[in-house]
C-alpha cells in the first residue's frame, strides 16, 4: 500500500493518517507524532486502533506518505503493541534526555 507515493519527512505526516501493517491491513489512525522536532529525532507514532491508543516505535515505521504510514508489523505483532503512555522529555544539561512520566510527583529542588 502507498508504494507509488513519494516518502515525506516524519514532521510532515498528516494528522490522523491511515496506518497499515506490512500486508496492508489497517491498524488505525495516527494521532500523535513522537519525537523531538528541534533535534529531528523521530521516536514513533501514537495510533488509535481497536486495541486502544498504542505506540509504534520509529524502527517499525517503514514509509510515511501524504496518504498514510506503512509499518513492518505482521498480524501477530498487532495485538502486542504497547499502550501509548504520554511522556515528557527534559534536557538535563549535558546533552542527555530524561524521560518523565506525568504520574511521577514533582518534587521541589530535584
PDB file of N, CA and C in Angstrom:
ATOM      1  N   UNK A   1       0.842  -1.183   0.000  1.00  0.00           N
ATOM      2  CA  UNK A   1       0.000   0.000   0.000  1.00  0.00           C
ATOM      3  C   UNK A   1       0.887   1.245   0.000  1.00  0.00           C
ATOM      4  N   UNK A   2       0.492   2.255  -0.683  1.00  0.00           N
ATOM      5  CA  UNK A   2       1.203   3.528  -0.818  1.00  0.00           C
ATOM      6  C   UNK A   2       2.541   3.367  -1.539  1.00  0.00           C
ATOM      7  N   UNK A   3       2.726   2.261  -2.301  1.00  0.00           N
ATOM      8  CA  UNK A   3       4.001   2.017  -2.978  1.00  0.00           C
ATOM      9  C   UNK A   3       4.370   3.116  -3.958  1.00  0.00           C
ATOM     10  N   UNK A   4       3.382   3.632  -4.675  1.00  0.00           N
ATOM     11  CA  UNK A   4       3.657   4.622  -5.721  1.00  0.00           C
ATOM     12  C   UNK A   4       3.733   6.052  -5.208  1.00  0.00           C
ATOM     13  N   UNK A   5       3.524   6.237  -3.933  1.00  0.00           N
ATOM     14  CA  UNK A   5       3.560   7.587  -3.369  1.00  0.00           C
ATOM     15  C   UNK A   5       4.951   7.918  -2.853  1.00  0.00           C
ATOM     16  N   UNK A   6       5.365   9.167  -3.021  1.00  0.00           N
ATOM     17  CA  UNK A   6       6.685   9.559  -2.507  1.00  0.00           C
ATOM     18  C   UNK A   6       6.690   9.612  -0.978  1.00  0.00           C
ATOM     19  N   UNK A   7       7.821   9.266  -0.431  1.00  0.00           N
ATOM     20  CA  UNK A   7       8.005   9.350   1.021  1.00  0.00           C
ATOM     21  C   UNK A   7       8.143  10.806   1.423  1.00  0.00           C
ATOM     22  N   UNK A   8       7.627  11.153   2.598  1.00  0.00           N
ATOM     23  CA  UNK A   8       7.751  12.507   3.128  1.00  0.00           C
ATOM     24  C   UNK A   8       8.435  12.439   4.498  1.00  0.00           C
ATOM     25  N   UNK A   9       8.862  13.575   4.984  1.00  0.00           N
ATOM     26  CA  UNK A   9       9.512  13.658   6.298  1.00  0.00           C
ATOM     27  C   UNK A   9       8.507  13.330   7.395  1.00  0.00           C
ATOM     28  N   UNK A  10       9.015  12.790   8.486  1.00  0.00           N
ATOM     29  CA  UNK A  10       8.135  12.442   9.602  1.00  0.00           C
ATOM     30  C   UNK A  10       7.396  13.646  10.145  1.00  0.00           C
ATOM     31  N   UNK A  11       8.017  14.821  10.063  1.00  0.00           N
ATOM     32  CA  UNK A  11       7.387  16.038  10.577  1.00  0.00           C
ATOM     33  C   UNK A  11       6.229  16.507   9.695  1.00  0.00           C
ATOM     34  N   UNK A  12       6.137  15.969   8.479  1.00  0.00           N
ATOM     35  CA  UNK A  12       5.062  16.345   7.559  1.00  0.00           C
ATOM     36  C   UNK A  12       3.916  15.330   7.552  1.00  0.00           C
ATOM     37  N   UNK A  13       3.987  14.312   8.392  1.00  0.00           N
ATOM     38  CA  UNK A  13       2.942  13.297   8.415  1.00  0.00           C
ATOM     39  C   UNK A  13       1.597  13.939   8.732  1.00  0.00           C
ATOM     40  N   UNK A  14       0.575  13.659   7.930  1.00  0.00           N
ATOM     41  CA  UNK A  14      -0.732  14.250   8.198  1.00  0.00           C
ATOM     42  C   UNK A  14      -1.372  13.699   9.470  1.00  0.00           C
ATOM     43  N   UNK A  15      -2.082  14.556  10.166  1.00  0.00           N
ATOM     44  CA  UNK A  15      -2.825  14.161  11.365  1.00  0.00           C
ATOM     45  C   UNK A  15      -3.878  13.137  10.972  1.00  0.00           C
ATOM     46  N   UNK A  16      -3.999  12.095  11.750  1.00  0.00           N
ATOM     47  CA  UNK A  16      -4.957  11.014  11.541  1.00  0.00           C
ATOM     48  C   UNK A  16      -4.737  10.269  10.225  1.00  0.00           C
ATOM     49  N   UNK A  17      -3.487  10.206   9.794  1.00  0.00           N
ATOM     50  CA  UNK A  17      -3.141   9.427   8.602  1.00  0.00           C
ATOM     51  C   UNK A  17      -3.445   7.958   8.863  1.00  0.00           C
ATOM     52  N   UNK A  18      -3.853   7.250   7.833  1.00  0.00           N
ATOM     53  CA  UNK A  18      -4.095   5.821   7.913  1.00  0.00           C
ATOM     54  C   UNK A  18      -2.770   5.112   8.181  1.00  0.00           C
ATOM     55  N   UNK A  19      -2.764   4.175   9.122  1.00  0.00           N
ATOM     56  CA  UNK A  19      -1.566   3.391   9.448  1.00  0.00           C
ATOM     57  C   UNK A  19      -1.876   1.941   9.111  1.00  0.00           C
ATOM     58  N   UNK A  20      -0.977   1.305   8.336  1.00  0.00           N
ATOM     59  CA  UNK A  20      -1.207  -0.063   7.898  1.00  0.00           C
ATOM     60  C   UNK A  20      -0.037  -0.967   8.286  1.00  0.00           C
ATOM     61  N   UNK A  21      -0.329  -2.265   8.367  1.00  0.00           N
ATOM     62  CA  UNK A  21       0.697  -3.269   8.635  1.00  0.00           C
ATOM     63  C   UNK A  21       1.442  -3.579   7.343  1.00  0.00           C
ATOM     64  N   UNK A  22       2.416  -4.468   7.409  1.00  0.00           N
ATOM     65  CA  UNK A  22       3.229  -4.822   6.253  1.00  0.00           C
ATOM     66  C   UNK A  22       2.391  -5.396   5.107  1.00  0.00           C
ATOM     67  N   UNK A  23       1.300  -6.088   5.446  1.00  0.00           N
ATOM     68  CA  UNK A  23       0.462  -6.679   4.394  1.00  0.00           C
ATOM     69  C   UNK A  23      -0.680  -5.761   3.956  1.00  0.00           C
ATOM     70  N   UNK A  24      -0.706  -4.526   4.448  1.00  0.00           N
ATOM     71  CA  UNK A  24      -1.727  -3.561   4.049  1.00  0.00           C
ATOM     72  C   UNK A  24      -2.966  -3.545   4.924  1.00  0.00           C
ATOM     73  N   UNK A  25      -2.988  -4.367   5.970  1.00  0.00           N
ATOM     74  CA  UNK A  25      -4.119  -4.384   6.895  1.00  0.00           C
ATOM     75  C   UNK A  25      -4.146  -3.085   7.693  1.00  0.00           C
ATOM     76  N   UNK A  26      -5.326  -2.480   7.790  1.00  0.00           N
ATOM     77  CA  UNK A  26      -5.451  -1.229   8.538  1.00  0.00           C
ATOM     78  C   UNK A  26      -5.233  -1.471  10.027  1.00  0.00           C
ATOM     79  N   UNK A  27      -4.319  -0.690  10.611  1.00  0.00           N
ATOM     80  CA  UNK A  27      -4.054  -0.752  12.047  1.00  0.00           C
ATOM     81  C   UNK A  27      -4.880   0.302  12.768  1.00  0.00           C
ATOM     82  N   UNK A  28      -4.938   1.496  12.189  1.00  0.00           N
ATOM     83  CA  UNK A  28      -5.673   2.591  12.811  1.00  0.00           C
ATOM     84  C   UNK A  28      -5.264   3.917  12.208  1.00  0.00           C
ATOM     85  N   UNK A  29      -5.412   4.975  12.990  1.00  0.00           N
ATOM     86  CA  UNK A  29      -5.054   6.311  12.512  1.00  0.00           C
ATOM     87  C   UNK A  29      -4.007   6.936  13.429  1.00  0.00           C
ATOM     88  N   UNK A  30      -3.080   7.658  12.819  1.00  0.00           N
ATOM     89  CA  UNK A  30      -2.002   8.320  13.568  1.00  0.00           C
ATOM     90  C   UNK A  30      -2.582   9.507  14.321  1.00  0.00           C
ATOM     91  N   UNK A  31      -2.439   9.484  15.632  1.00  0.00           N
ATOM     92  CA  UNK A  31      -2.984  10.544  16.475  1.00  0.00           C
ATOM     93  C   UNK A  31      -1.917  11.513  16.955  1.00  0.00           C
ATOM     94  N   UNK A  32      -0.667  11.065  17.002  1.00  0.00           N
ATOM     95  CA  UNK A  32       0.388  11.932  17.505  1.00  0.00           C
ATOM     96  C   UNK A  32       1.741  11.454  17.008  1.00  0.00           C
ATOM     97  N   UNK A  33       2.598  12.408  16.714  1.00  0.00           N
ATOM     98  CA  UNK A  33       3.994  12.116  16.404  1.00  0.00           C
ATOM     99  C   UNK A  33       4.770  12.082  17.703  1.00  0.00           C
ATOM    100  N   UNK A  34       5.712  11.174  17.802  1.00  0.00           N
ATOM    101  CA  UNK A  34       6.551  11.080  18.992  1.00  0.00           C
ATOM    102  C   UNK A  34       7.973  11.380  18.558  1.00  0.00           C
ATOM    103  N   UNK A  35       8.507  12.477  19.018  1.00  0.00           N
ATOM    104  CA  UNK A  35       9.864  12.834  18.631  1.00  0.00           C
ATOM    105  C   UNK A  35      10.227  14.220  19.092  1.00  0.00           C
ATOM    106  N   UNK A  36      11.401  14.623  18.706  1.00  0.00           N
ATOM    107  CA  UNK A  36      11.928  15.941  19.036  1.00  0.00           C
ATOM    108  C   UNK A  36      12.168  16.667  17.725  1.00  0.00           C
ATOM    109  N   UNK A  37      11.252  17.564  17.381  1.00  0.00           N
ATOM    110  CA  UNK A  37      11.332  18.271  16.108  1.00  0.00           C
ATOM    111  C   UNK A  37      12.585  19.138  16.010  1.00  0.00           C
ATOM    112  N   UNK A  38      12.960  19.756  17.125  1.00  0.00           N
ATOM    113  CA  UNK A  38      14.142  20.628  17.135  1.00  0.00           C
ATOM    114  C   UNK A  38      15.413  19.853  16.798  1.00  0.00           C
ATOM    115  N   UNK A  39      15.518  18.650  17.345  1.00  0.00           N
ATOM    116  CA  UNK A  39      16.701  17.815  17.128  1.00  0.00           C
ATOM    117  C   UNK A  39      16.523  16.858  15.944  1.00  0.00           C
ATOM    118  N   UNK A  40      15.338  16.855  15.326  1.00  0.00           N
ATOM    119  CA  UNK A  40      14.983  15.965  14.219  1.00  0.00           C
ATOM    120  C   UNK A  40      15.195  14.500  14.593  1.00  0.00           C
ATOM    121  N   UNK A  41      14.636  14.125  15.744  1.00  0.00           N
ATOM    122  CA  UNK A  41      14.710  12.750  16.215  1.00  0.00           C
ATOM    123  C   UNK A  41      13.288  12.192  16.255  1.00  0.00           C
ATOM    124  N   UNK A  42      13.041  11.187  15.453  1.00  0.00           N
ATOM    125  CA  UNK A  42      11.730  10.558  15.348  1.00  0.00           C
ATOM    126  C   UNK A  42      11.703   9.322  16.242  1.00  0.00           C
ATOM    127  N   UNK A  43      10.787   9.300  17.220  1.00  0.00           N
ATOM    128  CA  UNK A  43      10.675   8.169  18.137  1.00  0.00           C
ATOM    129  C   UNK A  43       9.574   7.195  17.733  1.00  0.00           C
ATOM    130  N   UNK A  44       8.556   7.676  17.007  1.00  0.00           N
ATOM    131  CA  UNK A  44       7.464   6.801  16.588  1.00  0.00           C
ATOM    132  C   UNK A  44       6.161   7.563  16.488  1.00  0.00           C
ATOM    133  N   UNK A  45       5.057   6.814  16.504  1.00  0.00           N
ATOM    134  CA  UNK A  45       3.736   7.437  16.401  1.00  0.00           C
ATOM    135  C   UNK A  45       2.781   6.785  17.404  1.00  0.00           C
ATOM    136  N   UNK A  46       1.840   7.575  17.871  1.00  0.00           N
ATOM    137  CA  UNK A  46       0.738   7.065  18.685  1.00  0.00           C
ATOM    138  C   UNK A  46      -0.429   6.839  17.734  1.00  0.00           C
ATOM    139  N   UNK A  47      -1.003   5.641  17.792  1.00  0.00           N
ATOM    140  CA  UNK A  47      -2.025   5.231  16.834  1.00  0.00           C
ATOM    141  C   UNK A  47      -3.302   4.826  17.566  1.00  0.00           C
ATOM    142  N   UNK A  48      -4.418   5.374  17.107  1.00  0.00           N
ATOM    143  CA  UNK A  48      -5.718   4.976  17.629  1.00  0.00           C
ATOM    144  C   UNK A  48      -6.114   3.711  16.870  1.00  0.00           C
ATOM    145  N   UNK A  49      -6.263   2.610  17.612  1.00  0.00           N
ATOM    146  CA  UNK A  49      -6.554   1.324  16.991  1.00  0.00           C
ATOM    147  C   UNK A  49      -7.656   0.610  17.764  1.00  0.00           C
ATOM    148  N   UNK A  50      -8.033  -0.569  17.293  1.00  0.00           N
ATOM    149  CA  UNK A  50      -9.047  -1.333  18.027  1.00  0.00           C
ATOM    150  C   UNK A  50      -8.505  -1.861  19.350  1.00  0.00           C
ATOM    151  N   UNK A  51      -7.198  -1.772  19.553  1.00  0.00           N
ATOM    152  CA  UNK A  51      -6.566  -2.166  20.814  1.00  0.00           C
ATOM    153  C   UNK A  51      -6.389  -0.959  21.741  1.00  0.00           C
ATOM    154  N   UNK A  52      -6.951   0.171  21.372  1.00  0.00           N
ATOM    155  CA  UNK A  52      -6.791   1.400  22.140  1.00  0.00           C
ATOM    156  C   UNK A  52      -5.718   2.276  21.508  1.00  0.00           C
ATOM    157  N   UNK A  53      -5.218   3.221  22.265  1.00  0.00           N
ATOM    158  CA  UNK A  53      -4.152   4.101  21.795  1.00  0.00           C
ATOM    159  C   UNK A  53      -2.830   3.387  22.035  1.00  0.00           C
ATOM    160  N   UNK A  54      -2.144   3.039  20.951  1.00  0.00           N
ATOM    161  CA  UNK A  54      -0.912   2.255  21.040  1.00  0.00           C
ATOM    162  C   UNK A  54       0.243   3.024  20.414  1.00  0.00           C
ATOM    163  N   UNK A  55       1.445   2.608  20.782  1.00  0.00           N
ATOM    164  CA  UNK A  55       2.654   3.247  20.260  1.00  0.00           C
ATOM    165  C   UNK A  55       3.346   2.325  19.268  1.00  0.00           C
ATOM    166  N   UNK A  56       3.728   2.891  18.128  1.00  0.00           N
ATOM    167  CA  UNK A  56       4.523   2.163  17.150  1.00  0.00           C
ATOM    168  C   UNK A  56       5.882   2.850  17.097  1.00  0.00           C
ATOM    169  N   UNK A  57       6.946   2.145  17.492  1.00  0.00           N
ATOM    170  CA  UNK A  57       8.279   2.753  17.502  1.00  0.00           C
ATOM    171  C   UNK A  57       8.756   3.105  16.088  1.00  0.00           C
ATOM    172  N   UNK A  58       9.599   4.096  15.995  1.00  0.00           N
ATOM    173  CA  UNK A  58      10.122   4.558  14.703  1.00  0.00           C
ATOM    174  C   UNK A  58      10.764   3.423  13.905  1.00  0.00           C
ATOM    175  N   UNK A  59      11.423   2.500  14.577  1.00  0.00           N
ATOM    176  CA  UNK A  59      12.089   1.390  13.881  1.00  0.00           C
ATOM    177  C   UNK A  59      11.103   0.505  13.131  1.00  0.00           C
ATOM    178  N   UNK A  60       9.826   0.544  13.502  1.00  0.00           N
ATOM    179  CA  UNK A  60       8.808  -0.286  12.846  1.00  0.00           C
ATOM    180  C   UNK A  60       8.080   0.467  11.734  1.00  0.00           C
ATOM    181  N   UNK A  61       8.336   1.786  11.609  1.00  0.00           N
ATOM    182  CA  UNK A  61       7.724   2.605  10.558  1.00  0.00           C
ATOM    183  C   UNK A  61       8.635   2.550   9.332  1.00  0.00           C
ATOM    184  N   UNK A  62       8.093   2.066   8.221  1.00  0.00           N
ATOM    185  CA  UNK A  62       8.907   1.892   7.017  1.00  0.00           C
ATOM    186  C   UNK A  62       8.724   3.004   6.001  1.00  0.00           C
ATOM    187  N   UNK A  63       7.562   3.635   5.964  1.00  0.00           N
ATOM    188  CA  UNK A  63       7.335   4.702   4.986  1.00  0.00           C
ATOM    189  C   UNK A  63       6.199   5.598   5.458  1.00  0.00           C
ATOM    190  N   UNK A  64       6.403   6.908   5.298  1.00  0.00           N
ATOM    191  CA  UNK A  64       5.360   7.889   5.580  1.00  0.00           C
ATOM    192  C   UNK A  64       5.090   8.634   4.281  1.00  0.00           C
ATOM    193  N   UNK A  65       3.814   8.699   3.893  1.00  0.00           N
ATOM    194  CA  UNK A  65       3.425   9.433   2.689  1.00  0.00           C
ATOM    195  C   UNK A  65       2.348  10.442   3.068  1.00  0.00           C
ATOM    196  N   UNK A  66       1.886  11.195   2.098  1.00  0.00           N
ATOM    197  CA  UNK A  66       0.812  12.156   2.358  1.00  0.00           C
ATOM    198  C   UNK A  66      -0.513  11.461   2.649  1.00  0.00           C
ATOM    199  N   UNK A  67      -0.644  10.199   2.275  1.00  0.00           N
ATOM    200  CA  UNK A  67      -1.896   9.464   2.496  1.00  0.00           C
ATOM    201  C   UNK A  67      -1.851   8.503   3.656  1.00  0.00           C
ATOM    202  N   UNK A  68      -0.650   8.088   4.072  1.00  0.00           N
ATOM    203  CA  UNK A  68      -0.619   7.122   5.153  1.00  0.00           C
ATOM    204  C   UNK A  68       0.770   6.694   5.576  1.00  0.00           C
ATOM    205  N   UNK A  69       0.775   5.747   6.511  1.00  0.00           N
ATOM    206  CA  UNK A  69       2.008   5.249   7.124  1.00  0.00           C
ATOM    207  C   UNK A  69       2.046   3.731   6.958  1.00  0.00           C
ATOM    208  N   UNK A  70       3.182   3.228   6.455  1.00  0.00           N
ATOM    209  CA  UNK A  70       3.374   1.787   6.300  1.00  0.00           C
ATOM    210  C   UNK A  70       4.343   1.326   7.383  1.00  0.00           C
ATOM    211  N   UNK A  71       3.973   0.249   8.071  1.00  0.00           N
ATOM    212  CA  UNK A  71       4.836  -0.332   9.096  1.00  0.00           C
ATOM    213  C   UNK A  71       5.313  -1.706   8.633  1.00  0.00           C
ATOM    214  N   UNK A  72       6.228  -2.294   9.380  1.00  0.00           N
ATOM    215  CA  UNK A  72       6.667  -3.655   9.077  1.00  0.00           C
ATOM    216  C   UNK A  72       5.987  -4.666   9.996  1.00  0.00           C
ATOM    217  N   UNK A  73       4.925  -4.252  10.661  1.00  0.00           N
ATOM    218  CA  UNK A  73       4.228  -5.106  11.612  1.00  0.00           C
ATOM    219  C   UNK A  73       3.450  -6.208  10.905  1.00  0.00           C
ATOM    220  N   UNK A  74       3.510  -7.403  11.460  1.00  0.00           N
ATOM    221  CA  UNK A  74       2.736  -8.525  10.959  1.00  0.00           C
ATOM    222  C   UNK A  74       1.504  -8.737  11.821  1.00  0.00           C
ATOM    223  N   UNK A  75       0.617  -9.638  11.404  1.00  0.00           N
ATOM    224  CA  UNK A  75      -0.621  -9.886  12.160  1.00  0.00           C
ATOM    225  C   UNK A  75      -0.380 -10.276  13.621  1.00  0.00           C
ATOM    226  N   UNK A  76       0.683 -11.024  13.888  1.00  0.00           N
ATOM    227  CA  UNK A  76       0.964 -11.437  15.262  1.00  0.00           C
ATOM    228  C   UNK A  76       1.467 -10.292  16.133  1.00  0.00           C
ATOM    229  N   UNK A  77       2.015  -9.252  15.507  1.00  0.00           N
ATOM    230  CA  UNK A  77       2.541  -8.105  16.257  1.00  0.00           C
ATOM    231  C   UNK A  77       1.438  -7.172  16.750  1.00  0.00           C
ATOM    232  N   UNK A  78       0.354  -7.094  16.010  1.00  0.00           N
ATOM    233  CA  UNK A  78      -0.661  -6.071  16.267  1.00  0.00           C
ATOM    234  C   UNK A  78      -1.267  -6.138  17.667  1.00  0.00           C
ATOM    235  N   UNK A  79      -1.711  -7.306  18.149  1.00  0.00           N
ATOM    236  CA  UNK A  79      -2.298  -7.323  19.498  1.00  0.00           C
ATOM    237  C   UNK A  79      -1.276  -7.067  20.611  1.00  0.00           C
ATOM    238  N   UNK A  80      -0.001  -7.150  20.281  1.00  0.00           N
ATOM    239  CA  UNK A  80       1.049  -6.965  21.289  1.00  0.00           C
ATOM    240  C   UNK A  80       1.635  -5.555  21.307  1.00  0.00           C
ATOM    241  N   UNK A  81       1.046  -4.633  20.557  1.00  0.00           N
ATOM    242  CA  UNK A  81       1.542  -3.253  20.576  1.00  0.00           C
ATOM    243  C   UNK A  81       1.399  -2.675  21.973  1.00  0.00           C
ATOM    244  N   UNK A  82       2.410  -1.914  22.373  1.00  0.00           N
ATOM    245  CA  UNK A  82       2.412  -1.310  23.700  1.00  0.00           C
ATOM    246  C   UNK A  82       1.414  -0.162  23.768  1.00  0.00           C
ATOM    247  N   UNK A  83       0.663  -0.044  24.863  1.00  0.00           N
ATOM    248  CA  UNK A  83      -0.220   1.108  25.022  1.00  0.00           C
ATOM    249  C   UNK A  83       0.605   2.394  25.020  1.00  0.00           C
ATOM    250  N   UNK A  84       0.062   3.424  24.407  1.00  0.00           N
ATOM    251  CA  UNK A  84       0.744   4.715  24.399  1.00  0.00           C
ATOM    252  C   UNK A  84       0.627   5.321  25.783  1.00  0.00           C
ATOM    253  N   UNK A  85       1.736   5.836  26.270  1.00  0.00           N
ATOM    254  CA  UNK A  85       1.765   6.489  27.572  1.00  0.00           C
ATOM    255  C   UNK A  85       2.434   7.841  27.371  1.00  0.00           C
ATOM    256  N   UNK A  86       1.691   8.897  27.628  1.00  0.00           N
ATOM    257  CA  UNK A  86       2.233  10.229  27.418  1.00  0.00           C
ATOM    258  C   UNK A  86       3.460  10.431  28.281  1.00  0.00           C
ATOM    259  N   UNK A  87       4.493  10.942  27.647  1.00  0.00           N
ATOM    260  CA  UNK A  87       5.742  11.209  28.350  1.00  0.00           C
ATOM    261  C   UNK A  87       6.211  12.608  27.998  1.00  0.00           C
ATOM    262  N   UNK A  88       6.969  13.166  28.903  1.00  0.00           N
ATOM    263  CA  UNK A  88       7.562  14.477  28.659  1.00  0.00           C
ATOM    264  C   UNK A  88       9.063  14.311  28.696  1.00  0.00           C
ATOM    265  N   UNK A  89       9.748  15.050  27.852  1.00  0.00           N
ATOM    266  CA  UNK A  89      11.199  14.949  27.768  1.00  0.00           C
ATOM    267  C   UNK A  89      11.819  16.244  28.263  1.00  0.00           C
ATOM    268  N   UNK A  90      12.862  16.132  29.031  1.00  0.00           N
ATOM    269  CA  UNK A  90      13.535  17.296  29.582  1.00  0.00           C
ATOM    270  C   UNK A  90      15.029  17.174  29.322  1.00  0.00           C
ATOM    271  N   UNK A  91      15.673  18.273  28.927  1.00  0.00           N
ATOM    272  CA  UNK A  91      17.122  18.277  28.833  1.00  0.00           C
ATOM    273  C   UNK A  91      17.704  18.261  30.237  1.00  0.00           C
ATOM    274  N   UNK A  92      18.828  17.570  30.422  1.00  0.00           N
ATOM    275  CA  UNK A  92      19.410  17.532  31.760  1.00  0.00           C
ATOM    276  C   UNK A  92      20.754  18.232  31.818  1.00  0.00           C
ATOM    277  N   UNK A  93      21.008  19.116  30.855  1.00  0.00           N
ATOM    278  CA  UNK A  93      22.170  19.991  30.966  1.00  0.00           C
ATOM    279  C   UNK A  93      23.418  19.536  30.243  1.00  0.00           C
ATOM    280  N   UNK A  94      23.604  18.254  30.010  1.00  0.00           N
ATOM    281  CA  UNK A  94      24.824  17.809  29.364  1.00  0.00           C
ATOM    282  C   UNK A  94      24.547  17.143  28.027  1.00  0.00           C
ATOM    283  N   UNK A  95      23.349  17.375  27.494  1.00  0.00           N
ATOM    284  CA  UNK A  95      23.007  16.854  26.181  1.00  0.00           C
ATOM    285  C   UNK A  95      22.187  15.586  26.212  1.00  0.00           C
ATOM    286  N   UNK A  96      22.026  15.000  27.401  1.00  0.00           N
ATOM    287  CA  UNK A  96      21.212  13.798  27.503  1.00  0.00           C
ATOM    288  C   UNK A  96      19.751  14.154  27.685  1.00  0.00           C
ATOM    289  N   UNK A  97      18.909  13.134  27.720  1.00  0.00           N
ATOM    290  CA  UNK A  97      17.486  13.336  27.935  1.00  0.00           C
ATOM    291  C   UNK A  97      17.035  12.527  29.130  1.00  0.00           C
ATOM    292  N   UNK A  98      16.048  13.043  29.810  1.00  0.00           N
ATOM    293  CA  UNK A  98      15.458  12.361  30.944  1.00  0.00           C
ATOM    294  C   UNK A  98      13.984  12.206  30.657  1.00  0.00           C
ATOM    295  N   UNK A  99      13.478  11.017  30.756  1.00  0.00           N
ATOM    296  CA  UNK A  99      12.063  10.774  30.497  1.00  0.00           C
ATOM    297  C   UNK A  99      11.293  10.928  31.800  1.00  0.00           C
ATOM    298  N   UNK A 100      10.269  11.774  31.790  1.00  0.00           N
ATOM    299  CA  UNK A 100       9.462  11.997  32.991  1.00  0.00           C
ATOM    300  C   UNK A 100       8.039  11.570  32.699  1.00  0.00           C
ATOM    301  N   UNK A 101       7.548  10.655  33.488  1.00  0.00           N
ATOM    302  CA  UNK A 101       6.171  10.223  33.353  1.00  0.00           C
ATOM    303  C   UNK A 101       5.270  11.186  34.120  1.00  0.00           C
ATOM    304  N   UNK A 102       4.112  11.561  33.557  1.00  0.00           N
ATOM    305  CA  UNK A 102       3.224  12.529  34.230  1.00  0.00           C
ATOM    306  C   UNK A 102       2.791  12.087  35.611  1.00  0.00           C
ATOM    307  N   UNK A 103       2.704  10.771  35.861  1.00  0.00           N
ATOM    308  CA  UNK A 103       2.233  10.341  37.187  1.00  0.00           C
ATOM    309  C   UNK A 103       3.294  10.488  38.265  1.00  0.00           C
ATOM    310  N   UNK A 104       4.554  10.742  37.896  1.00  0.00           N
ATOM    311  CA  UNK A 104       5.588  10.971  38.892  1.00  0.00           C
ATOM    312  C   UNK A 104       5.325  12.304  39.576  1.00  0.00           C
ATOM    313  N   UNK A 105       5.463  12.318  40.836  1.00  0.00           N
ATOM    314  CA  UNK A 105       5.237  13.566  41.565  1.00  0.00           C
ATOM    315  C   UNK A 105       6.357  14.541  41.305  1.00  0.00           C
ATOM    316  N   UNK A 106       6.004  15.796  41.197  1.00  0.00           N
ATOM    317  CA  UNK A 106       7.013  16.842  41.018  1.00  0.00           C
ATOM    318  C   UNK A 106       7.529  17.212  42.409  1.00  0.00           C
ATOM    319  N   UNK A 107       8.827  17.156  42.565  1.00  0.00           N
ATOM    320  CA  UNK A 107       9.435  17.490  43.846  1.00  0.00           C
ATOM    321  C   UNK A 107      10.237  18.768  43.693  1.00  0.00           C
ATOM    322  N   UNK A 108      10.165  19.606  44.681  1.00  0.00           N
ATOM    323  CA  UNK A 108      10.935  20.830  44.629  1.00  0.00           C
ATOM    324  C   UNK A 108      12.397  20.508  44.911  1.00  0.00           C
ATOM    325  N   UNK A 109      13.286  21.191  44.211  1.00  0.00           N
ATOM    326  CA  UNK A 109      14.715  21.012  44.431  1.00  0.00           C
ATOM    327  C   UNK A 109      15.296  19.818  43.727  1.00  0.00           C
ATOM    328  N   UNK A 110      14.510  19.083  42.960  1.00  0.00           N
ATOM    329  CA  UNK A 110      15.079  17.929  42.263  1.00  0.00           C
ATOM    330  C   UNK A 110      15.002  18.102  40.779  1.00  0.00           C
TER     331      UNK A 110
END
